[in-house]
Protein backbone atom coordinates (compact mmCIF):
# COMPACT_ATOMS: atom_id res chain seq x y z
CA MET A 1 -0.10 -0.06 -0.01
CA ASP A 2 1.39 3.38 -1.09
CA ASN A 3 1.42 6.39 1.55
CA ARG A 4 -1.72 7.61 0.10
CA SER A 5 -3.48 4.72 0.60
CA ALA A 6 -2.14 4.25 3.75
CA ILE A 7 -3.03 7.47 5.02
CA LEU A 8 -6.47 7.65 3.59
CA ALA A 9 -6.99 4.20 5.27
CA ALA A 10 -5.91 5.49 8.56
CA ALA A 11 -8.03 8.65 8.88
CA THR A 12 -10.88 6.70 7.43
CA GLU A 13 -10.74 4.51 10.28
CA LEU A 14 -9.76 7.51 13.10
CA LEU A 15 -12.50 9.20 11.79
CA GLU A 16 -15.27 6.75 11.87
CA THR A 17 -14.41 5.82 15.39
CA SER A 18 -13.82 9.20 16.63
CA PRO A 19 -16.25 10.29 19.41
CA ASN A 20 -16.44 13.85 18.23
CA GLY A 21 -15.84 13.52 14.48
CA ASP A 22 -12.38 14.96 15.02
CA ILE A 23 -8.79 13.26 14.13
CA SER A 24 -5.34 14.81 14.18
CA THR A 25 -2.75 14.44 11.42
CA ARG A 26 -0.42 13.41 14.56
CA GLY A 27 -2.89 10.38 15.22
CA VAL A 28 -3.04 9.63 11.41
CA GLY A 29 0.63 9.51 10.93
CA GLU A 30 1.25 7.20 13.50
CA LYS A 31 -1.37 4.75 12.80
CA ALA A 32 -0.36 5.08 8.87
CA GLY A 33 3.27 4.76 9.54
CA VAL A 34 4.37 8.21 8.18
CA GLN A 35 5.63 11.43 9.29
CA GLN A 36 3.00 14.62 9.35
CA PRO A 37 5.12 15.94 6.73
CA VAL A 38 4.24 13.37 4.41
CA ILE A 39 0.64 14.12 4.91
CA TYR A 40 1.09 17.73 4.46
CA ARG A 41 3.00 17.17 1.01
CA LEU A 42 0.38 14.61 -0.35
CA PHE A 43 -2.84 16.53 1.04
CA GLY A 44 -1.70 20.11 1.61
CA ASP A 45 -3.82 20.34 5.06
CA LYS A 46 -5.82 18.58 7.46
CA ASP A 47 -8.77 20.13 5.79
CA SER A 48 -7.77 18.77 2.41
CA LEU A 49 -7.17 15.24 4.23
CA LEU A 50 -10.44 15.43 5.61
CA ALA A 51 -12.22 16.05 2.33
CA ALA A 52 -10.20 13.51 0.77
CA VAL A 53 -11.58 10.84 3.39
CA VAL A 54 -15.57 12.16 2.50
CA ASP A 55 -14.92 11.72 -1.14
CA HIS A 56 -13.25 8.34 -0.32
CA TRP A 57 -16.12 7.17 1.42
CA PHE A 58 -18.97 8.53 -0.11
CA ALA A 59 -17.09 7.08 -3.70
CA GLN A 60 -18.07 3.64 -2.49
CA TYR A 61 -21.69 4.78 -1.94
CA LEU A 62 -21.94 6.59 -5.23
CA ALA A 63 -20.40 3.64 -6.89
CA ALA A 64 -23.33 1.43 -6.02
CA LYS A 65 -25.71 4.09 -6.98
CA ARG A 66 -23.90 4.42 -10.35
CA ALA A 67 -24.32 0.71 -10.83
CA ALA A 68 -27.67 0.53 -10.06
CA VAL A 69 -29.91 -0.18 -13.07
CA PRO A 70 -32.78 2.69 -13.73
CA THR A 71 -36.36 1.14 -13.34
CA GLU A 72 -39.17 2.29 -15.11
CA ASP A 73 -40.51 4.10 -12.55
CA PRO A 74 -37.93 7.24 -11.89
CA VAL A 75 -40.30 8.51 -9.05
CA ALA A 76 -39.99 5.14 -7.00
CA ASP A 77 -35.94 5.58 -7.83
CA LEU A 78 -35.80 8.93 -6.26
CA ARG A 79 -37.81 7.73 -3.39
CA ARG A 80 -35.00 5.02 -2.81
CA GLY A 81 -32.11 7.43 -3.23
CA TRP A 82 -33.53 9.85 -0.61
CA ASP A 83 -33.73 6.64 1.62
CA GLY A 84 -30.70 5.30 0.48
CA HIS A 85 -28.95 9.02 1.29
CA THR A 86 -30.58 8.78 4.96
CA ARG A 87 -29.18 5.62 5.54
CA PHE A 88 -25.54 6.68 4.26
CA ALA A 89 -26.02 9.69 7.02
CA LEU A 90 -26.90 7.24 9.92
CA ASP A 91 -24.25 4.41 8.99
CA HIS A 92 -21.36 7.13 8.50
CA PRO A 93 -22.25 10.21 10.86
CA ASN A 94 -18.99 11.59 11.17
CA VAL A 95 -18.20 11.47 7.12
CA TYR A 96 -21.86 12.62 6.42
CA ARG A 97 -21.13 16.00 9.08
CA LEU A 98 -18.18 16.72 7.12
CA MET A 99 -20.11 16.70 3.85
CA TYR A 100 -22.83 18.78 4.65
CA THR A 101 -21.83 21.29 7.56
CA PRO A 102 -19.59 24.46 6.88
CA ARG A 103 -16.35 23.29 8.53
CA LEU A 104 -14.03 22.24 5.72
CA SER A 105 -12.49 25.02 3.77
CA SER A 106 -12.13 22.47 0.58
CA PRO A 107 -15.37 21.17 0.21
CA PRO A 108 -15.37 17.21 -1.28
CA GLN A 109 -16.07 16.42 -4.51
CA ALA A 110 -18.49 13.76 -3.28
CA VAL A 111 -21.12 16.56 -2.56
CA ARG A 112 -21.35 17.76 -6.32
CA GLU A 113 -21.31 14.13 -7.69
CA ALA A 114 -24.38 13.55 -5.73
CA ASN A 115 -26.20 16.61 -6.68
CA GLU A 116 -25.37 15.74 -10.15
CA LEU A 117 -26.68 12.08 -9.51
CA LEU A 118 -29.81 13.49 -8.06
CA ARG A 119 -30.55 15.52 -10.85
CA GLY A 120 -30.18 12.99 -13.38
CA VAL A 121 -33.12 10.98 -11.64
CA LEU A 122 -35.19 14.47 -11.87
CA GLU A 123 -34.42 14.69 -15.43
CA ARG A 124 -35.97 10.99 -16.15
CA ILE A 125 -39.06 11.98 -13.95
CA ALA A 126 -39.49 15.61 -15.97
CA GLN A 127 -39.02 13.40 -19.75
CA VAL A 128 -42.27 11.37 -18.36
CA GLY A 129 -44.07 14.28 -17.53
CA ARG A 130 -43.91 14.11 -13.28
CA LEU A 131 -41.76 17.09 -12.35
CA ALA A 132 -43.84 20.01 -11.53
CA VAL A 133 -40.98 22.18 -11.33
CA GLU A 134 -37.51 22.62 -13.55
CA PRO A 135 -35.15 20.15 -12.44
CA ASP A 136 -32.24 22.30 -10.97
CA ARG A 137 -35.04 23.61 -8.37
CA ALA A 138 -36.41 20.44 -7.81
CA ALA A 139 -32.70 19.00 -7.15
CA ASP A 140 -32.31 22.23 -4.58
CA VAL A 141 -35.26 21.29 -2.59
CA VAL A 142 -34.95 17.74 -2.27
CA MET A 143 -31.23 17.96 -1.14
CA ALA A 144 -31.94 20.76 1.11
CA ALA A 145 -34.92 18.48 2.89
CA ASN A 146 -33.02 15.19 2.54
CA THR A 147 -29.97 16.52 4.38
CA GLY A 148 -31.83 18.63 6.42
CA VAL A 149 -33.46 15.53 8.06
CA ALA A 150 -30.42 13.51 7.94
CA LEU A 151 -28.42 16.16 9.78
CA SER A 152 -31.43 16.61 12.25
CA LEU A 153 -31.64 12.69 13.19
CA LEU A 154 -27.83 12.68 13.68
CA ASN A 155 -27.96 15.37 16.62
CA ARG A 156 -30.51 13.54 18.54
CA PRO A 157 -29.23 11.03 20.98
CA GLU A 158 -29.57 7.12 18.94
CA ALA A 159 -32.55 6.65 21.09
CA ASP A 160 -34.38 9.71 20.63
CA ARG A 161 -34.47 9.01 16.71
CA ASP A 162 -37.81 8.75 15.11
CA PRO A 163 -37.15 5.92 12.60
CA GLU A 164 -40.02 7.27 10.29
CA LEU A 165 -38.99 10.97 10.35
CA SER A 166 -37.32 10.77 7.18
CA VAL A 167 -39.90 8.91 5.20
CA ARG A 168 -42.62 11.39 6.36
CA VAL A 169 -40.44 14.22 5.67
CA ARG A 170 -40.15 12.76 2.18
CA GLU A 171 -43.93 12.17 1.46
CA ILE A 172 -44.42 16.18 2.35
CA VAL A 173 -41.34 17.41 -0.18
CA LEU A 174 -42.07 14.88 -2.87
CA PRO A 175 -45.90 16.19 -3.69
CA GLY A 176 -44.42 19.67 -3.75
CA ILE A 177 -42.24 19.08 -6.90
CA LEU A 178 -44.47 16.02 -8.55
CA THR A 179 -47.39 16.35 -10.62
CA PRO A 180 -50.20 13.93 -9.39
CA GLU A 181 -50.04 10.25 -10.26
CA PRO A 182 -51.70 9.58 -13.85
CA ASP A 183 -54.42 7.80 -12.35
CA ALA A 184 -55.20 10.47 -9.81
CA ASP A 185 -58.65 12.35 -10.22
CA PRO A 186 -57.90 15.86 -12.02
CA ALA A 187 -60.78 17.52 -9.92
CA ASP A 188 -59.30 16.76 -6.62
CA THR A 189 -56.33 19.16 -7.18
CA PRO A 190 -56.85 20.90 -10.19
CA PRO A 191 -53.56 23.05 -11.73
CA SER A 192 -53.73 26.35 -12.30
CA VAL A 193 -52.63 27.97 -15.88
CA ALA A 194 -49.23 29.13 -14.70
CA GLN A 195 -48.68 25.77 -13.19
CA ALA A 196 -49.83 23.58 -16.19
CA VAL A 197 -47.88 25.55 -18.40
CA ALA A 198 -44.87 25.45 -15.88
CA GLN A 199 -45.30 21.57 -15.75
CA ALA A 200 -45.60 21.34 -19.59
CA ALA A 201 -42.66 23.70 -19.79
CA THR A 202 -40.58 21.39 -17.44
CA THR A 203 -41.51 18.14 -19.18
CA LEU A 204 -40.61 19.56 -22.74
CA GLY A 205 -37.57 21.02 -21.81
CA ALA A 206 -36.20 17.55 -20.28
CA LEU A 207 -37.13 15.88 -23.14
CA LEU A 208 -35.18 18.04 -25.67
CA ARG A 209 -32.41 17.83 -23.69
CA SER A 210 -32.00 14.31 -23.81
CA ASN A 211 -32.87 14.08 -27.59
CA ARG A 212 -31.79 17.75 -29.00
CA PRO A 213 -33.33 18.38 -32.10
CA GLU A 214 -30.74 18.65 -35.15
CA SER A 215 -32.97 21.42 -36.85
CA PHE A 216 -32.07 23.80 -34.16
CA SER A 217 -28.94 25.68 -34.23
CA PRO A 218 -26.88 26.23 -31.12
CA ALA A 219 -28.09 29.52 -30.63
CA GLU A 220 -31.53 28.72 -31.70
CA PHE A 221 -31.63 26.06 -29.06
CA ALA A 222 -30.00 27.86 -26.44
CA LEU A 223 -32.76 30.77 -26.71
CA LEU A 224 -35.49 27.97 -26.81
CA THR A 225 -34.41 26.39 -23.31
CA GLU A 226 -34.03 29.69 -21.98
CA TRP A 227 -37.71 30.29 -22.66
CA LEU A 228 -38.54 26.92 -21.11
CA THR A 229 -36.68 27.72 -18.10
CA HIS A 230 -38.31 30.87 -17.71
CA LEU A 231 -42.03 29.37 -18.36
CA ALA A 232 -41.39 26.59 -16.05
CA THR A 233 -40.29 29.12 -12.91
CA PRO A 234 -43.03 31.73 -13.43
CA THR A 235 -42.93 34.70 -10.97
CA LYS A 236 -45.37 35.83 -8.75
CA PRO A 237 -47.98 37.97 -9.62
């Protein structure tokens, strides 16, 4: 094992077992069998080392998500993704806190990739006409709610954690970004004209992004995309 791998393995083990979510470079060096200057030469500083540890751990979680075969029901995939996100937080609390709290000066790359994977699922939902808002806005809502409930659970004593809280929050949040189920009675929740236009623009935008028409020049396509984005995010009167 090379020095970098040994340092990452040592830092990961120490972080996972730390009672307060903190580690020292001295402790990492001792466990990895290297001097502290080696750590600073390879990682720059402690924050960069911790960011690398987060990326190392979360990469395994993301690898499983990348390998998962999308089903024909992207909304179900979104729910599974939410549950998997919460489960990762509870299984690796110290790593998760580092990911989603403003402690590190060098943000982990894993956060950005997690957002990209989420947006990919939301694009699929938009393509089948089930997304009520523009995918970027939906991703912001889902990630804020999912990380919020995960951190809320982590901040409680384990004995006081409500195992159903994440699911309840999920089922409150998702109806706010999704269109009704196809078999729902439209008379129950009739959309306004603005909502109907936004939903149609969201669906059309996603379909065009997935299969760009050759008849549009780059400038025309960019303008059309901009118009659809405006229609998908109507301003309040």
